[in-house]
Amino acid sequence: MTKSEALFERAKKVMPGGVNSPVRAFAAVGGAPRFIRSAKGAYITDEDGNIYLDYVGSWGPMILGHGNEAILDAVCRTAANGLSFGAATALEVEMAELIVSLVKPLEMVRMTSSGTEAVMSAIRLARGYTGRGKIVKFSGCYHGHSDCLLVKAGSGALTGGNPDSAGVTEGAAKDTLLAEYNDLDSVARLFEKNKGDIAAVIVEPVGANMGVVPPKEGFLPGLRRLCDTNGALLIFDEVITGFRLALGGAMEYFGVDADLATYGKIIGGGMPVGAYGGRREIMECVAPVGAVYQAGTLSGNPVAMAAGLCALTQLKENPCVYANTAALAGRLADGIRMNTGCTVNQIGSLLCAFFTTGEVTDYEGAKKSDVKKYADYFNHMLRNGIYIAPSQFEAMFLSAAHTQEDIDHTIEAVKAFYPKEETK
């Protein structure tokens, strides 16, 4: 028995499924999850000493690679002064100033401890600001695990084959309206049926929790127009796309401004953190200035702020990271496309190989993927020292630490899984 297998047996006795987050489980691909001991650059090492080329990157935030020296130094220096105060610090002011300087539509931000908390708070704020109760979300888009958003969610919920969670009451979900991603007509119909009742439309500007599904041309501008016409707010869930597609996130990349945006662990250099922000008139509805309550003892934690400041400053000073990682992702996407029968979606440093031959532009298209084939593929890649998500419905993330040689090695492993005659 390997060390990872032994740890998994111990874990299952004290943690549901042996994990603290379902996407870490290998239920969809078989076997025991690898327990990771360390990481550096583009590589992770498990408890048995196996080294893997990593395309998960802690589910996105490690855009500069694992174990970035400057970030580690900032964390150690800050931690030496104390881990948490439950009081205001200069670092959280500096972080807020940096974020609003980089994301032009944002005028104010509020820190949280996770992306889930950020989205939950943004939804409450939208309802408080508009005085309306209903929200629109899209099938296959994941916005964290708060009750009202666990309706046809993507990510781990989709992988487990149970997109609607037990324990979510009818009352919690009744004000959540479902639209189809990349389908403006489905949104327009909801506005028509619920005149004056919709507070906000929340969307992943790039669907990144049902694989990677970019928006069709006109989709995001169309959402902006529909929200403006109907007096609703547009919320971009940028937990994945924020500071990854571009310094200004999806709003900069696509040239569409949202009223509110939410962020996750990338703004903490990988540490537990989140944030939501928007126009001043909206954000000043949040306590203690306004009547919309939200609080958190660890919000703006100094160690997380130091890590995030260092990470975002490096990205600001080295904008070539975006072009370089996008080029590598494009090279990898082309290599997979040429050597398999898969549909490969790629945008920036994000990509996903869907085990289907059809176009994937929405949740229904993603669900046509052959998950058994993906499981075989996943295990083949793992045996070849390449760590990808243990789920068909997650993204691959590239970082500044990945090299051309890493991409070539990955493509060779793909070729070995798909013999030449199979791709004809």
Foldseek 3Di string as FASTA:
>chain_A
DAPQVVLQVVQVVPDPNSDPDLLQALVLQDDGGFAWDAFFQQWTAGPRGFIFREQCCLVAQQQAGPPDPQLVVLLVVQCVVPFADLDDDPLLVVLQVLLCVQAVQFDGKFKDQFQLQALVLVLLLLCVVLVADAEEEEQADARHDDQQRQDNYFASCVSVVHSHDPPRDCVSNVRYHYAWALDLVRVVVVCVVQQSHYSEYEYACFNFRLETAHHDPPRQVSRVVSCVVRVHFYEHECQRQDCQLAVNGPCVVVVPDGQKYKYGQSLQSNHRMIMMGGDPVSVCCEPPNRDRYDDDSCGPGPSSSSSNVSSSVVCVVCVVSQVVLQVLCVLLQVLLVVQALWDKDDHTNKIATFQDNDDDNTNVSSVVGDSNLVSVLQVLSVVLRHHDRSGRRHIGGHHPSDDPVNSVSSSVSSCVSRPRVNHD
